[in-house]
Amino acid sequence: MAAQGGDKQAFNQLCELHYQASYRFAYKLCQSPQDAGDITQEVWSKVAKDIRSLLEPGAFKAWLFRAIYRRFIDVIRRQYKEQGIAEAPLVAAQPISLEQSLDMLSLIARLPWGERHTVYLFYLEELAISDIAVVLGIPQGTVKSRLHKARKRLSQWAQQ
């Protein structure tokens, strides 16, 4: 609330608390350190300007992650438009070696696009289902469904 009131020290504390998590989320989305850095910087610049418009200060992290996610979607759309591709792929096209498949993060990376981001936000960023719904712009029921499907897939893959 102090940051919303213009307190620069409070805003700096918010940055210290949430910057690394926002960068990690951007990196998980785009898989590029440079793009993740650009997205994170752009979003934090926008956050500094728009923080007064945040109606619920307790939802700052969800609001921040939603901004990161929206900026990522904008970047992807622009890249695909420039390449003349109608739609972004929904599944990662990265081959995974046998050694990597034993690592849970590698298994998560194999999940379809929507499930992967939902699992990341729920388990690694520890966001509530309601906050994930806000970040991804989907109903809470869809978040629950994606988590259920992802858990099922991960369980099957881990047994192989």
C-alpha atoms as a PDB file:
ATOM      1  CA  MET A   1       0.000   0.000   0.000  1.00  0.00           C
ATOM      2  CA  ALA A   2       2.904   2.299   0.717  1.00  0.00           C
ATOM      3  CA  ALA A   3       4.277   1.634  -2.774  1.00  0.00           C
ATOM      4  CA  GLN A   4       0.892   2.590  -4.206  1.00  0.00           C
ATOM      5  CA  GLY A   5       1.133   5.846  -2.297  1.00  0.00           C
ATOM      6  CA  GLY A   6       4.415   6.697  -4.004  1.00  0.00           C
ATOM      7  CA  ASP A   7       6.895   5.451  -1.382  1.00  0.00           C
ATOM      8  CA  LYS A   8      10.002   4.606  -3.421  1.00  0.00           C
ATOM      9  CA  GLN A   9      11.562   2.546  -0.644  1.00  0.00           C
ATOM     10  CA  ALA A  10       8.406   0.405  -0.405  1.00  0.00           C
ATOM     11  CA  PHE A  11       8.463  -0.077  -4.176  1.00  0.00           C
ATOM     12  CA  ASN A  12      12.132  -1.092  -4.006  1.00  0.00           C
ATOM     13  CA  GLN A  13      11.209  -3.662  -1.346  1.00  0.00           C
ATOM     14  CA  LEU A  14       8.505  -5.043  -3.657  1.00  0.00           C
ATOM     15  CA  CYS A  15      11.110  -5.327  -6.410  1.00  0.00           C
ATOM     16  CA  GLU A  16      13.552  -7.137  -4.139  1.00  0.00           C
ATOM     17  CA  LEU A  17      10.839  -9.512  -3.012  1.00  0.00           C
ATOM     18  CA  HIS A  18       9.292 -10.328  -6.405  1.00  0.00           C
ATOM     19  CA  TYR A  19      11.793  -9.517  -9.162  1.00  0.00           C
ATOM     20  CA  GLN A  20      13.558 -12.897  -9.259  1.00  0.00           C
ATOM     21  CA  ALA A  21      10.273 -14.815  -9.233  1.00  0.00           C
ATOM     22  CA  SER A  22       8.930 -12.670 -12.063  1.00  0.00           C
ATOM     23  CA  TYR A  23      12.111 -13.252 -14.081  1.00  0.00           C
ATOM     24  CA  ARG A  24      11.924 -17.015 -13.461  1.00  0.00           C
ATOM     25  CA  PHE A  25       8.320 -17.056 -14.622  1.00  0.00           C
ATOM     26  CA  ALA A  26       9.207 -15.096 -17.768  1.00  0.00           C
ATOM     27  CA  TYR A  27      12.116 -17.468 -18.405  1.00  0.00           C
ATOM     28  CA  LYS A  28       9.905 -20.538 -17.953  1.00  0.00           C
ATOM     29  CA  LEU A  29       7.503 -19.064 -20.487  1.00  0.00           C
ATOM     30  CA  CYS A  30       9.956 -18.061 -23.212  1.00  0.00           C
ATOM     31  CA  GLN A  31      13.033 -20.248 -22.482  1.00  0.00           C
ATOM     32  CA  SER A  32      15.351 -17.390 -23.437  1.00  0.00           C
ATOM     33  CA  PRO A  33      17.396 -15.399 -20.896  1.00  0.00           C
ATOM     34  CA  GLN A  34      17.443 -12.320 -23.115  1.00  0.00           C
ATOM     35  CA  ASP A  35      13.706 -12.388 -23.841  1.00  0.00           C
ATOM     36  CA  ALA A  36      12.927 -13.114 -20.187  1.00  0.00           C
ATOM     37  CA  GLY A  37      15.044 -10.138 -19.131  1.00  0.00           C
ATOM     38  CA  ASP A  38      13.346  -7.879 -21.677  1.00  0.00           C
ATOM     39  CA  ILE A  39       9.856  -9.003 -20.669  1.00  0.00           C
ATOM     40  CA  THR A  40      10.641  -8.632 -16.975  1.00  0.00           C
ATOM     41  CA  GLN A  41      12.097  -5.154 -17.404  1.00  0.00           C
ATOM     42  CA  GLU A  42       9.157  -3.986 -19.538  1.00  0.00           C
ATOM     43  CA  VAL A  43       6.642  -5.315 -17.052  1.00  0.00           C
ATOM     44  CA  TRP A  44       8.375  -3.819 -14.011  1.00  0.00           C
ATOM     45  CA  SER A  45       8.536  -0.495 -15.805  1.00  0.00           C
ATOM     46  CA  LYS A  46       4.787  -0.736 -16.390  1.00  0.00           C
ATOM     47  CA  VAL A  47       4.216  -1.839 -12.783  1.00  0.00           C
ATOM     48  CA  ALA A  48       6.038   1.264 -11.542  1.00  0.00           C
ATOM     49  CA  LYS A  49       3.668   3.438 -13.568  1.00  0.00           C
ATOM     50  CA  ASP A  50       0.449   1.489 -12.941  1.00  0.00           C
ATOM     51  CA  ILE A  51       0.800   0.313  -9.328  1.00  0.00           C
ATOM     52  CA  ARG A  52      -1.730   2.888  -8.171  1.00  0.00           C
ATOM     53  CA  SER A  53      -4.388   1.174 -10.300  1.00  0.00           C
ATOM     54  CA  LEU A  54      -4.040  -2.088  -8.349  1.00  0.00           C
ATOM     55  CA  LEU A  55      -7.306  -2.394  -6.446  1.00  0.00           C
ATOM     56  CA  GLU A  56      -6.289  -5.256  -4.164  1.00  0.00           C
ATOM     57  CA  PRO A  57      -2.709  -4.907  -2.853  1.00  0.00           C
ATOM     58  CA  GLY A  58      -2.813  -8.466  -1.478  1.00  0.00           C
ATOM     59  CA  ALA A  59      -3.075  -9.735  -5.054  1.00  0.00           C
ATOM     60  CA  PHE A  60       0.143  -8.025  -6.170  1.00  0.00           C
ATOM     61  CA  LYS A  61       1.963 -11.236  -7.124  1.00  0.00           C
ATOM     62  CA  ALA A  62      -0.958 -12.489  -9.223  1.00  0.00           C
ATOM     63  CA  TRP A  63      -1.260  -9.051 -10.828  1.00  0.00           C
ATOM     64  CA  LEU A  64       2.474  -9.019 -11.594  1.00  0.00           C
ATOM     65  CA  PHE A  65       2.478 -12.550 -13.026  1.00  0.00           C
ATOM     66  CA  ARG A  66      -0.580 -11.740 -15.134  1.00  0.00           C
ATOM     67  CA  ALA A  67       1.321  -8.778 -16.593  1.00  0.00           C
ATOM     68  CA  ILE A  68       4.335 -11.037 -17.324  1.00  0.00           C
ATOM     69  CA  TYR A  69       2.062 -13.612 -18.963  1.00  0.00           C
ATOM     70  CA  ARG A  70       0.262 -11.013 -21.094  1.00  0.00           C
ATOM     71  CA  ARG A  71       3.547  -9.497 -22.242  1.00  0.00           C
ATOM     72  CA  PHE A  72       4.846 -12.965 -23.131  1.00  0.00           C
ATOM     73  CA  ILE A  73       1.709 -13.635 -25.202  1.00  0.00           C
ATOM     74  CA  ASP A  74       2.193 -10.306 -27.000  1.00  0.00           C
ATOM     75  CA  VAL A  75       5.813 -11.180 -27.804  1.00  0.00           C
ATOM     76  CA  ILE A  76       4.856 -14.649 -29.088  1.00  0.00           C
ATOM     77  CA  ARG A  77       2.060 -13.247 -31.251  1.00  0.00           C
ATOM     78  CA  ARG A  78       4.403 -10.666 -32.746  1.00  0.00           C
ATOM     79  CA  GLN A  79       7.059 -13.312 -33.483  1.00  0.00           C
ATOM     80  CA  TYR A  80       4.574 -15.652 -35.150  1.00  0.00           C
ATOM     81  CA  LYS A  81       3.016 -12.808 -37.103  1.00  0.00           C
ATOM     82  CA  GLU A  82       6.469 -11.799 -38.371  1.00  0.00           C
ATOM     83  CA  GLN A  83       7.140 -15.413 -39.382  1.00  0.00           C
ATOM     84  CA  GLY A  84       3.755 -15.696 -41.095  1.00  0.00           C
ATOM     85  CA  ILE A  85       2.557 -18.486 -38.791  1.00  0.00           C
ATOM     86  CA  ALA A  86      -1.121 -18.332 -37.893  1.00  0.00           C
ATOM     87  CA  GLU A  87      -0.936 -19.782 -34.381  1.00  0.00           C
ATOM     88  CA  ALA A  88       1.695 -20.604 -31.765  1.00  0.00           C
ATOM     89  CA  PRO A  89       2.243 -24.296 -31.027  1.00  0.00           C
ATOM     90  CA  LEU A  90       0.719 -25.475 -27.757  1.00  0.00           C
ATOM     91  CA  VAL A  91       3.209 -28.268 -27.035  1.00  0.00           C
ATOM     92  CA  ALA A  92       6.944 -27.882 -26.517  1.00  0.00           C
ATOM     93  CA  ALA A  93       8.843 -29.390 -29.413  1.00  0.00           C
ATOM     94  CA  GLN A  94      11.992 -30.117 -27.424  1.00  0.00           C
ATOM     95  CA  PRO A  95      13.272 -33.700 -27.514  1.00  0.00           C
ATOM     96  CA  ILE A  96      14.087 -34.991 -24.039  1.00  0.00           C
ATOM     97  CA  SER A  97      16.823 -37.507 -23.367  1.00  0.00           C
ATOM     98  CA  LEU A  98      16.332 -40.509 -21.102  1.00  0.00           C
ATOM     99  CA  GLU A  99      18.455 -38.931 -18.343  1.00  0.00           C
ATOM    100  CA  GLN A 100      16.459 -35.711 -18.471  1.00  0.00           C
ATOM    101  CA  SER A 101      13.152 -37.550 -18.351  1.00  0.00           C
ATOM    102  CA  LEU A 102      13.980 -38.658 -14.813  1.00  0.00           C
ATOM    103  CA  ASP A 103      14.081 -35.048 -13.711  1.00  0.00           C
ATOM    104  CA  MET A 104      10.634 -33.694 -12.779  1.00  0.00           C
ATOM    105  CA  LEU A 105      11.343 -30.290 -14.301  1.00  0.00           C
ATOM    106  CA  SER A 106      12.071 -31.988 -17.599  1.00  0.00           C
ATOM    107  CA  LEU A 107       8.811 -33.871 -17.324  1.00  0.00           C
ATOM    108  CA  ILE A 108       6.954 -30.632 -16.624  1.00  0.00           C
ATOM    109  CA  ALA A 109       8.578 -29.118 -19.720  1.00  0.00           C
ATOM    110  CA  ARG A 110       6.995 -31.903 -21.797  1.00  0.00           C
ATOM    111  CA  LEU A 111       3.482 -30.985 -20.704  1.00  0.00           C
ATOM    112  CA  PRO A 112       1.206 -29.176 -23.148  1.00  0.00           C
ATOM    113  CA  TRP A 113       1.569 -25.415 -22.986  1.00  0.00           C
ATOM    114  CA  GLY A 114      -1.425 -24.596 -20.750  1.00  0.00           C
ATOM    115  CA  GLU A 115      -0.819 -27.445 -18.322  1.00  0.00           C
ATOM    116  CA  ARG A 116       2.885 -26.623 -18.054  1.00  0.00           C
ATOM    117  CA  HIS A 117       2.242 -23.008 -17.019  1.00  0.00           C
ATOM    118  CA  THR A 118      -0.504 -24.023 -14.604  1.00  0.00           C
ATOM    119  CA  VAL A 119       1.744 -26.603 -12.900  1.00  0.00           C
ATOM    120  CA  TYR A 120       4.624 -24.134 -12.739  1.00  0.00           C
ATOM    121  CA  LEU A 121       2.509 -21.457 -11.081  1.00  0.00           C
ATOM    122  CA  PHE A 122       0.868 -23.891  -8.651  1.00  0.00           C
ATOM    123  CA  TYR A 123       3.856 -25.931  -7.507  1.00  0.00           C
ATOM    124  CA  LEU A 124       6.914 -23.783  -8.117  1.00  0.00           C
ATOM    125  CA  GLU A 125       5.493 -20.306  -7.504  1.00  0.00           C
ATOM    126  CA  GLU A 126       2.963 -21.610  -4.971  1.00  0.00           C
ATOM    127  CA  LEU A 127       0.109 -19.468  -6.252  1.00  0.00           C
ATOM    128  CA  ALA A 128      -3.447 -20.285  -5.224  1.00  0.00           C
ATOM    129  CA  ILE A 129      -5.852 -21.655  -7.822  1.00  0.00           C
ATOM    130  CA  SER A 130      -7.765 -18.367  -7.785  1.00  0.00           C
ATOM    131  CA  ASP A 131      -4.540 -16.431  -8.456  1.00  0.00           C
ATOM    132  CA  ILE A 132      -3.544 -18.775 -11.281  1.00  0.00           C
ATOM    133  CA  ALA A 133      -6.955 -18.199 -12.845  1.00  0.00           C
ATOM    134  CA  VAL A 134      -6.291 -14.449 -12.724  1.00  0.00           C
ATOM    135  CA  VAL A 135      -2.759 -14.784 -14.133  1.00  0.00           C
ATOM    136  CA  LEU A 136      -3.795 -17.010 -17.043  1.00  0.00           C
ATOM    137  CA  GLY A 137      -7.181 -15.380 -17.591  1.00  0.00           C
ATOM    138  CA  ILE A 138      -9.108 -18.651 -17.301  1.00  0.00           C
ATOM    139  CA  PRO A 139     -11.829 -19.965 -14.964  1.00  0.00           C
ATOM    140  CA  GLN A 140     -10.800 -21.687 -11.718  1.00  0.00           C
ATOM    141  CA  GLY A 141     -12.395 -24.888 -12.959  1.00  0.00           C
ATOM    142  CA  THR A 142     -10.049 -24.881 -15.940  1.00  0.00           C
ATOM    143  CA  VAL A 143      -7.070 -24.453 -13.599  1.00  0.00           C
ATOM    144  CA  LYS A 144      -8.232 -27.462 -11.582  1.00  0.00           C
ATOM    145  CA  SER A 145      -8.810 -29.492 -14.739  1.00  0.00           C
ATOM    146  CA  ARG A 146      -5.356 -28.652 -16.086  1.00  0.00           C
ATOM    147  CA  LEU A 147      -3.744 -29.597 -12.787  1.00  0.00           C
ATOM    148  CA  HIS A 148      -5.608 -32.902 -12.745  1.00  0.00           C
ATOM    149  CA  LYS A 149      -4.591 -33.739 -16.328  1.00  0.00           C
ATOM    150  CA  ALA A 150      -1.001 -32.686 -15.706  1.00  0.00           C
ATOM    151  CA  ARG A 151      -0.734 -34.800 -12.548  1.00  0.00           C
ATOM    152  CA  LYS A 152      -2.066 -37.790 -14.457  1.00  0.00           C
ATOM    153  CA  ARG A 153       0.432 -37.308 -17.303  1.00  0.00           C
ATOM    154  CA  LEU A 154       3.349 -36.733 -14.943  1.00  0.00           C
ATOM    155  CA  SER A 155       2.452 -39.839 -12.979  1.00  0.00           C
ATOM    156  CA  GLN A 156       2.358 -41.926 -16.165  1.00  0.00           C
ATOM    157  CA  TRP A 157       5.637 -40.490 -17.434  1.00  0.00           C
ATOM    158  CA  ALA A 158       7.384 -40.993 -14.088  1.00  0.00           C
ATOM    159  CA  GLN A 159       6.398 -44.682 -14.140  1.00  0.00           C
ATOM    160  CA  GLN A 160       7.920 -45.258 -17.583  1.00  0.00           C
END
